[in-house]
Structures are given as structure tokens and as C-alpha cells.
Amino acid sequence: MTFSRRTTLQWFATATALTLTARLPAIAPVVSEAGIPPPFGVVDWPAQVPDLPPAKGYGRDPDLTDPKVPWPLTLTRGQRATIDLLGDLILPADKASPGAGTLGVGAFIDEWISAPYPRQQEDRGRILAGLLWLDAQSRALHGATFAASTPARRTMLLDALTVATPSPAMAQPVAFMDRLRNLFILGFYSLPEGKADMGYIGDQPTEGPYPGPTDAALTHFAALLDELKLTDATRQG
């Protein structure tokens, strides 16, 4: 399963603002309506996940000059290994950069779902349940955990989680993968490799006084204003 990084259309300013358009691969014809190859069925979604250990948050006045994470990370070694595998499947390596798992975006996800805040705890329940489901479904299909399965079998199972309209039995697994994919994108594009991959430049130093926009930029801007039927005050009079 491959999600092109080039499909990201807008850089996000905060961890809650992200626009993504992804081209999802078609499900292979061997899958059933439920999205799992016959003759196996879909295993049940886990009823509960382990409680989060008590932890403190940042508080009302965090020290931004000395940022620290006051809560412990909670993913086990096995869960983190599975997360890293998923990261390299969701955002695989290409000529621009390594995959998201190899780059360590799993550490961001571990920190995110370990945080003692309502949104993060909602994500924690879904992500941990999804990891349990992946292992259970992989055992039902292939007699091995997701991490212990072959790359082809892992890809096949993830392909079953990209359906646009999942069956009732697959609704929660598909929602899990949707949220995990968003978190990987969020983490990847906050890294230098992600910013370079999307062509983000940011502020650049210049020598001497600011030269202002180029003639080409002004022409482009004027054309956009005309298209939007807006007025550029600098062109009046």
C-alpha cells in the first residue's frame, strides 16, 4: 500500500490543521465484501485497552524555552515495532527521504497517545485497540502476528483497511487506520525531511534591504486578484 507524499496540498500551522488528499490503492479482487480474504472472517474489535498510568500534563504555563514531556511513553517495544512497520507502509521510503517509521515518527505517535489530554486519550484507545486487532486478524489469517508476517501479507491486510465504505465489521479497523495515517502525516511533515519533501522553504535570509516581490510574482498576484474579482489598492489611481 502506497500513499504518495506529493498528494499533500497544504502545510499545517498547528497540530490540528492539516489538509490531505490521498490516492488510495484499489482492494485486490481476492478480498471478500468485509475486506478480508476468504475463508477467514473478521475478528472482533477489542473490548478495552489498558488504562493509562497517572501522569501530569504541561500545565497552564509551560516553559517553551526548555520543552520537556512530563508524561511517560506507554507503547511497549512490540507495539512500537508494529507502529514503525506501519509508518514505512503508510509513508514509504522514496528518493527524497526514508519511510516515516524509519525516520522515527513512531516516537511522535507514542508521545501523542501517552499524553493525558482528552483528544490524545481518545486516539490512544483507538490506536491500541487497532494494534491488538491487527495482531489478532493476522493470526487468524496467517498464524502469526502482524510484525511476524511477510511484507506481502502485511500489505494485503492494510489494503483491506483502505475501503471507502467498509462493512460494519470493518468500520472500526478502517477508522483506526484513517486516524493512524493522519498522525503519521502530521508527524512526518513536522520533520526537516518532511518539510523538504513538500518543498517548504520558509523564511530565507537576504543581504541588504528587502528587495520586494519580483515582477513575475506581482503579475501572478494581479492575475489572481482579477480572477477573484478583488481590488489591489496599490494599483488604484
Foldseek 3Di string as FASTA:
>chain_A
DEWDLLQFDDDDPDLVDGDGDTDADAADPQADLQLHHPPFDQDAQDPWDDDADDWDACPDDHDPVDDDGGFDFDDDPVLLLVLLVVQCRLANDDPLGHGLSVVPLSVVLSSQCNHPDDVSVVLVTLQRSLQVSQQVVCCRVPVGGLSPDDPVSVNNSVSSLPDPDHDPRCPSNVVNVVVSSSSSLSSQCVDPSNCVVNVNDPDDDDPDDDPDDDPVVVVVVVVVCVVVVHDDPVPDD
